[in-house]
């Protein structure tokens, strides 16, 4: 499989959302990111800077399995780490603002099945 390239973040954004087409995947991202952020901030406030490692460990540790188990694809982070980080922040911001249904609509605008087909983990059958 060849990695997709995008000339801008604006063109990457609908693809990113399509990679998170199921609400359960998005909510796993939100839960992992906010939990990791809370643990990291708590640690920094208590003078334990090593707790800051909780954000990527808990955040990615929750989000990445959701891609394989729920979405049936590989995380967009593997091919587009910085834009994926920005996309995650934008997606979570929209969810916290009560705009999760809008994310579902954006995911449907991406060509049907393309994101899922291009990033299916090796050895995986048809997308779930």
N, C-alpha and C. Protein backbone atom coordinates (compact mmCIF):
# COMPACT_ATOMS: atom_id res chain seq x y z
N UNK A 1 0.85 -1.17 0.00
CA UNK A 1 0.00 0.00 0.00
C UNK A 1 0.89 1.23 0.00
N UNK A 2 0.57 2.21 -0.78
CA UNK A 2 1.33 3.46 -0.77
C UNK A 2 0.62 4.47 0.11
N UNK A 3 1.40 5.26 0.81
CA UNK A 3 0.84 6.26 1.71
C UNK A 3 0.28 7.43 0.91
N UNK A 4 -0.88 7.88 1.30
CA UNK A 4 -1.50 9.04 0.64
C UNK A 4 -0.73 10.30 0.98
N UNK A 5 -0.68 11.19 0.02
CA UNK A 5 -0.09 12.50 0.26
C UNK A 5 -1.17 13.55 0.10
N UNK A 6 -1.05 14.61 0.85
CA UNK A 6 -2.02 15.70 0.83
C UNK A 6 -1.26 17.01 0.72
N UNK A 7 -1.70 17.90 -0.15
CA UNK A 7 -1.01 19.17 -0.31
C UNK A 7 -1.23 20.14 0.85
N UNK A 8 -2.29 19.91 1.65
CA UNK A 8 -2.58 20.83 2.76
C UNK A 8 -3.34 20.09 3.86
N UNK A 9 -3.32 20.69 5.03
CA UNK A 9 -4.08 20.11 6.14
C UNK A 9 -5.57 20.11 5.81
N UNK A 10 -6.04 21.14 5.16
CA UNK A 10 -7.46 21.24 4.83
C UNK A 10 -7.91 20.06 3.96
N UNK A 11 -7.03 19.56 3.10
CA UNK A 11 -7.37 18.40 2.28
C UNK A 11 -7.18 17.10 3.07
N UNK A 12 -6.31 17.11 4.06
CA UNK A 12 -6.10 15.96 4.92
C UNK A 12 -7.27 15.74 5.89
N UNK A 13 -7.87 16.84 6.36
CA UNK A 13 -8.89 16.78 7.40
C UNK A 13 -10.05 15.81 7.11
N UNK A 14 -10.72 15.85 5.94
CA UNK A 14 -11.81 14.89 5.74
C UNK A 14 -11.32 13.44 5.73
N UNK A 15 -10.12 13.22 5.23
CA UNK A 15 -9.53 11.89 5.26
C UNK A 15 -9.32 11.45 6.71
N UNK A 16 -8.78 12.35 7.53
CA UNK A 16 -8.55 12.03 8.94
C UNK A 16 -9.86 11.65 9.62
N UNK A 17 -10.89 12.43 9.37
CA UNK A 17 -12.19 12.15 9.98
C UNK A 17 -12.73 10.82 9.46
N UNK A 18 -12.55 10.53 8.18
CA UNK A 18 -13.01 9.25 7.62
C UNK A 18 -12.31 8.07 8.28
N UNK A 19 -11.07 8.26 8.69
CA UNK A 19 -10.34 7.21 9.39
C UNK A 19 -10.91 6.99 10.79
N UNK A 20 -11.78 7.91 11.22
CA UNK A 20 -12.45 7.84 12.52
C UNK A 20 -13.96 7.87 12.29
N UNK A 21 -14.43 7.09 11.32
CA UNK A 21 -15.82 7.17 10.89
C UNK A 21 -16.81 6.66 11.93
N UNK A 22 -16.37 5.80 12.80
CA UNK A 22 -17.27 5.26 13.83
C UNK A 22 -17.14 6.08 15.12
N UNK A 23 -18.28 6.39 15.70
CA UNK A 23 -18.31 7.20 16.92
C UNK A 23 -17.48 6.56 18.04
N UNK A 24 -17.49 5.24 18.14
CA UNK A 24 -16.74 4.57 19.21
C UNK A 24 -15.24 4.84 19.09
N UNK A 25 -14.74 4.92 17.87
CA UNK A 25 -13.32 5.24 17.66
C UNK A 25 -13.03 6.65 18.14
N UNK A 26 -13.90 7.58 17.77
CA UNK A 26 -13.71 8.98 18.18
C UNK A 26 -13.76 9.11 19.70
N UNK A 27 -14.70 8.40 20.33
CA UNK A 27 -14.83 8.49 21.78
C UNK A 27 -13.65 7.83 22.49
N UNK A 28 -13.08 6.80 21.90
CA UNK A 28 -11.86 6.20 22.48
C UNK A 28 -10.72 7.22 22.43
N UNK A 29 -10.63 7.96 21.33
CA UNK A 29 -9.61 9.02 21.22
C UNK A 29 -9.84 10.07 22.30
N UNK A 30 -11.06 10.53 22.42
CA UNK A 30 -11.37 11.57 23.40
C UNK A 30 -11.04 11.09 24.81
N UNK A 31 -11.48 9.89 25.17
CA UNK A 31 -11.23 9.36 26.52
C UNK A 31 -9.73 9.21 26.80
N UNK A 32 -9.00 8.65 25.84
CA UNK A 32 -7.57 8.46 26.04
C UNK A 32 -6.81 9.77 26.13
N UNK A 33 -7.14 10.70 25.25
CA UNK A 33 -6.45 11.99 25.25
C UNK A 33 -6.74 12.78 26.52
N UNK A 34 -8.00 12.86 26.90
CA UNK A 34 -8.34 13.64 28.10
C UNK A 34 -7.81 12.98 29.37
N UNK A 35 -7.83 11.65 29.44
CA UNK A 35 -7.27 10.96 30.61
C UNK A 35 -5.77 11.17 30.69
N UNK A 36 -5.08 11.01 29.57
CA UNK A 36 -3.64 11.24 29.54
C UNK A 36 -3.29 12.67 29.90
N UNK A 37 -4.07 13.61 29.40
CA UNK A 37 -3.85 15.02 29.71
C UNK A 37 -4.06 15.29 31.20
N UNK A 38 -5.12 14.72 31.77
CA UNK A 38 -5.40 14.91 33.20
C UNK A 38 -4.28 14.35 34.06
N UNK A 39 -3.81 13.16 33.74
CA UNK A 39 -2.73 12.54 34.52
C UNK A 39 -1.44 13.35 34.37
N UNK A 40 -1.16 13.79 33.14
CA UNK A 40 0.04 14.60 32.91
C UNK A 40 0.01 15.93 33.65
N UNK A 41 -1.11 16.62 33.59
CA UNK A 41 -1.25 17.91 34.29
C UNK A 41 -1.16 17.70 35.80
N UNK A 42 -1.81 16.67 36.29
CA UNK A 42 -1.75 16.35 37.72
C UNK A 42 -0.29 16.14 38.14
N UNK A 43 0.44 15.34 37.38
CA UNK A 43 1.84 15.07 37.71
C UNK A 43 2.68 16.33 37.71
N UNK A 44 2.48 17.17 36.70
CA UNK A 44 3.25 18.42 36.65
C UNK A 44 2.89 19.33 37.83
N UNK A 45 1.61 19.38 38.18
CA UNK A 45 1.18 20.21 39.31
C UNK A 45 1.73 19.69 40.63
N UNK A 46 1.96 18.40 40.73
CA UNK A 46 2.49 17.79 41.94
C UNK A 46 4.01 17.68 41.93
N UNK A 47 4.65 18.28 40.92
CA UNK A 47 6.11 18.24 40.85
C UNK A 47 6.67 16.91 40.39
N UNK A 48 5.89 16.17 39.64
CA UNK A 48 6.33 14.87 39.11
C UNK A 48 6.29 14.92 37.59
N UNK A 49 7.30 15.52 36.98
CA UNK A 49 7.26 15.72 35.53
C UNK A 49 7.21 14.44 34.71
N UNK A 50 7.64 13.32 35.27
CA UNK A 50 7.57 12.07 34.50
C UNK A 50 6.13 11.68 34.17
N UNK A 51 5.16 12.22 34.92
CA UNK A 51 3.75 11.97 34.63
C UNK A 51 3.33 12.56 33.29
N UNK A 52 4.11 13.51 32.80
CA UNK A 52 3.78 14.11 31.50
C UNK A 52 3.82 13.06 30.39
N UNK A 53 4.54 11.98 30.61
CA UNK A 53 4.59 10.89 29.64
C UNK A 53 3.24 10.18 29.53
N UNK A 54 2.35 10.44 30.47
CA UNK A 54 1.03 9.80 30.44
C UNK A 54 0.22 10.22 29.21
N UNK A 55 0.39 11.45 28.76
CA UNK A 55 -0.42 11.91 27.63
C UNK A 55 -0.20 11.03 26.40
N UNK A 56 1.02 10.89 25.90
CA UNK A 56 1.16 10.03 24.72
C UNK A 56 0.92 8.54 25.02
N UNK A 57 1.32 8.08 26.20
CA UNK A 57 1.15 6.66 26.51
C UNK A 57 -0.32 6.28 26.63
N UNK A 58 -1.08 7.03 27.40
CA UNK A 58 -2.50 6.73 27.56
C UNK A 58 -3.27 7.13 26.30
N UNK A 59 -2.93 8.28 25.74
CA UNK A 59 -3.64 8.75 24.54
C UNK A 59 -3.51 7.78 23.38
N UNK A 60 -2.28 7.48 22.99
CA UNK A 60 -2.07 6.56 21.87
C UNK A 60 -2.42 5.13 22.26
N UNK A 61 -2.16 4.77 23.52
CA UNK A 61 -2.47 3.42 23.98
C UNK A 61 -3.95 3.11 23.96
N UNK A 62 -4.77 4.12 23.99
CA UNK A 62 -6.22 3.95 23.89
C UNK A 62 -6.68 4.08 22.44
N UNK A 63 -6.12 5.03 21.73
CA UNK A 63 -6.59 5.33 20.37
C UNK A 63 -6.16 4.28 19.35
N UNK A 64 -4.92 3.86 19.38
CA UNK A 64 -4.43 2.95 18.34
C UNK A 64 -5.17 1.61 18.32
N UNK A 65 -5.38 0.97 19.47
CA UNK A 65 -6.15 -0.29 19.41
C UNK A 65 -7.57 -0.08 18.87
N UNK A 66 -8.15 1.08 19.12
CA UNK A 66 -9.49 1.36 18.62
C UNK A 66 -9.52 1.31 17.09
N UNK A 67 -8.45 1.73 16.46
CA UNK A 67 -8.41 1.69 14.99
C UNK A 67 -8.50 0.25 14.49
N UNK A 68 -7.75 -0.64 15.10
CA UNK A 68 -7.75 -2.03 14.66
C UNK A 68 -9.04 -2.73 15.08
N UNK A 69 -9.45 -2.56 16.32
CA UNK A 69 -10.58 -3.30 16.86
C UNK A 69 -11.95 -2.76 16.46
N UNK A 70 -12.06 -1.45 16.31
CA UNK A 70 -13.37 -0.84 16.00
C UNK A 70 -13.45 -0.41 14.55
N UNK A 71 -12.44 0.30 14.10
CA UNK A 71 -12.48 0.92 12.77
C UNK A 71 -12.03 -0.02 11.66
N UNK A 72 -11.13 -0.94 11.99
CA UNK A 72 -10.62 -1.86 10.98
C UNK A 72 -9.59 -1.21 10.07
N UNK A 73 -8.81 -0.27 10.60
CA UNK A 73 -7.78 0.39 9.80
C UNK A 73 -6.56 0.68 10.67
N UNK A 74 -5.52 1.20 10.06
CA UNK A 74 -4.34 1.64 10.80
C UNK A 74 -4.49 3.13 11.10
N UNK A 75 -3.92 3.59 12.22
CA UNK A 75 -4.00 5.01 12.55
C UNK A 75 -3.35 5.90 11.48
N UNK A 76 -3.97 7.02 11.20
CA UNK A 76 -3.41 8.00 10.26
C UNK A 76 -2.09 8.55 10.78
N UNK A 77 -1.86 8.45 12.08
CA UNK A 77 -0.63 8.94 12.70
C UNK A 77 0.60 8.31 12.07
N UNK A 78 0.49 7.06 11.65
CA UNK A 78 1.66 6.37 11.10
C UNK A 78 2.19 7.05 9.85
N UNK A 79 1.32 7.63 9.05
CA UNK A 79 1.77 8.28 7.82
C UNK A 79 1.82 9.79 7.89
N UNK A 80 1.08 10.37 8.84
CA UNK A 80 0.95 11.82 8.93
C UNK A 80 0.93 12.24 10.40
N UNK A 81 2.05 12.11 11.11
CA UNK A 81 2.03 12.33 12.56
C UNK A 81 1.63 13.74 13.00
N UNK A 82 2.14 14.77 12.36
CA UNK A 82 1.83 16.13 12.82
C UNK A 82 0.41 16.54 12.46
N UNK A 83 0.00 16.25 11.24
CA UNK A 83 -1.37 16.58 10.85
C UNK A 83 -2.36 15.74 11.65
N UNK A 84 -2.01 14.52 12.01
CA UNK A 84 -2.89 13.68 12.82
C UNK A 84 -3.05 14.25 14.22
N UNK A 85 -1.97 14.76 14.78
CA UNK A 85 -2.05 15.40 16.09
C UNK A 85 -2.98 16.61 16.03
N UNK A 86 -2.82 17.41 15.00
CA UNK A 86 -3.70 18.57 14.80
C UNK A 86 -5.14 18.11 14.57
N UNK A 87 -5.32 17.07 13.78
CA UNK A 87 -6.65 16.54 13.52
C UNK A 87 -7.30 16.01 14.78
N UNK A 88 -6.53 15.33 15.62
CA UNK A 88 -7.06 14.82 16.88
C UNK A 88 -7.55 15.96 17.75
N UNK A 89 -6.76 17.03 17.85
CA UNK A 89 -7.16 18.18 18.65
C UNK A 89 -8.44 18.81 18.09
N UNK A 90 -8.52 18.93 16.77
CA UNK A 90 -9.70 19.51 16.15
C UNK A 90 -10.91 18.60 16.36
N UNK A 91 -10.73 17.31 16.18
CA UNK A 91 -11.82 16.35 16.35
C UNK A 91 -12.34 16.37 17.79
N UNK A 92 -11.44 16.34 18.76
CA UNK A 92 -11.85 16.35 20.16
C UNK A 92 -12.52 17.67 20.50
N UNK A 93 -12.00 18.77 19.98
CA UNK A 93 -12.64 20.06 20.21
C UNK A 93 -14.07 20.08 19.69
N UNK A 94 -14.28 19.51 18.51
CA UNK A 94 -15.63 19.45 17.96
C UNK A 94 -16.53 18.56 18.81
N UNK A 95 -16.00 17.46 19.29
CA UNK A 95 -16.79 16.57 20.13
C UNK A 95 -17.19 17.26 21.43
N UNK A 96 -16.25 17.95 22.05
CA UNK A 96 -16.55 18.66 23.30
C UNK A 96 -17.55 19.79 23.09
N UNK A 97 -17.60 20.29 21.86
CA UNK A 97 -18.57 21.35 21.53
C UNK A 97 -19.92 20.76 21.09
N UNK A 98 -20.07 19.43 21.18
CA UNK A 98 -21.33 18.80 20.82
C UNK A 98 -21.53 18.62 19.33
N UNK A 99 -20.42 18.54 18.57
CA UNK A 99 -20.51 18.47 17.10
C UNK A 99 -20.09 17.10 16.56
N UNK A 100 -20.33 16.02 17.32
CA UNK A 100 -19.94 14.69 16.87
C UNK A 100 -20.72 14.26 15.62
N UNK A 101 -21.98 14.65 15.53
CA UNK A 101 -22.76 14.30 14.33
C UNK A 101 -22.16 14.94 13.07
N UNK A 102 -21.62 16.13 13.23
CA UNK A 102 -20.96 16.79 12.10
C UNK A 102 -19.76 15.97 11.64
N UNK A 103 -19.03 15.39 12.59
CA UNK A 103 -17.89 14.53 12.23
C UNK A 103 -18.37 13.32 11.44
N UNK A 104 -19.49 12.75 11.82
CA UNK A 104 -20.04 11.61 11.06
C UNK A 104 -20.36 12.03 9.64
N UNK A 105 -20.90 13.23 9.47
CA UNK A 105 -21.21 13.73 8.12
C UNK A 105 -19.93 13.95 7.31
N UNK A 106 -18.91 14.50 7.93
CA UNK A 106 -17.63 14.72 7.24
C UNK A 106 -17.05 13.38 6.80
N UNK A 107 -17.11 12.38 7.68
CA UNK A 107 -16.58 11.05 7.36
C UNK A 107 -17.26 10.47 6.13
N UNK A 108 -18.55 10.72 6.00
CA UNK A 108 -19.28 10.20 4.85
C UNK A 108 -18.93 10.92 3.55
N UNK A 109 -18.34 12.12 3.63
CA UNK A 109 -17.98 12.85 2.41
C UNK A 109 -16.75 12.26 1.74
N UNK A 110 -15.93 11.54 2.51
CA UNK A 110 -14.74 10.92 1.93
C UNK A 110 -15.21 9.79 1.03
N UNK A 111 -14.58 9.60 -0.13
CA UNK A 111 -15.02 8.53 -1.04
C UNK A 111 -15.24 7.22 -0.30
N UNK A 112 -16.39 6.62 -0.53
CA UNK A 112 -16.86 5.44 0.21
C UNK A 112 -15.80 4.35 0.32
N UNK A 113 -15.44 4.05 1.55
CA UNK A 113 -14.55 2.93 1.83
C UNK A 113 -13.09 3.14 1.53
N UNK A 114 -12.72 4.23 0.87
CA UNK A 114 -11.32 4.39 0.46
C UNK A 114 -10.37 4.45 1.64
N UNK A 115 -10.69 5.25 2.64
CA UNK A 115 -9.79 5.37 3.78
C UNK A 115 -9.63 4.03 4.48
N UNK A 116 -10.71 3.31 4.64
CA UNK A 116 -10.66 2.02 5.33
C UNK A 116 -9.85 1.02 4.51
N UNK A 117 -10.06 0.97 3.22
CA UNK A 117 -9.36 0.01 2.36
C UNK A 117 -7.86 0.29 2.31
N UNK A 118 -7.48 1.56 2.27
CA UNK A 118 -6.08 1.91 2.13
C UNK A 118 -5.28 1.67 3.40
N UNK A 119 -5.93 1.64 4.53
CA UNK A 119 -5.20 1.52 5.79
C UNK A 119 -5.61 0.31 6.60
N UNK A 120 -6.09 -0.73 5.95
CA UNK A 120 -6.45 -1.95 6.66
C UNK A 120 -5.17 -2.62 7.12
N UNK A 121 -5.13 -3.07 8.38
CA UNK A 121 -3.95 -3.77 8.87
C UNK A 121 -3.70 -5.04 8.06
N UNK A 122 -2.44 -5.41 7.94
CA UNK A 122 -2.08 -6.62 7.18
C UNK A 122 -2.78 -7.84 7.79
N UNK A 123 -3.29 -8.68 6.90
CA UNK A 123 -3.93 -9.91 7.35
C UNK A 123 -5.37 -9.74 7.77
N UNK A 124 -5.89 -8.55 7.67
CA UNK A 124 -7.27 -8.29 8.10
C UNK A 124 -8.21 -8.52 6.93
N UNK A 125 -9.34 -9.11 7.15
CA UNK A 125 -10.34 -9.35 6.11
C UNK A 125 -11.08 -8.07 5.78
N UNK A 126 -12.28 -8.21 5.31
CA UNK A 126 -13.09 -7.04 4.95
C UNK A 126 -13.27 -6.16 6.16
N UNK A 127 -13.35 -4.86 5.92
CA UNK A 127 -13.49 -3.90 7.00
C UNK A 127 -14.74 -4.20 7.81
N UNK A 128 -14.60 -4.07 9.12
CA UNK A 128 -15.71 -4.36 10.02
C UNK A 128 -16.74 -3.28 9.99
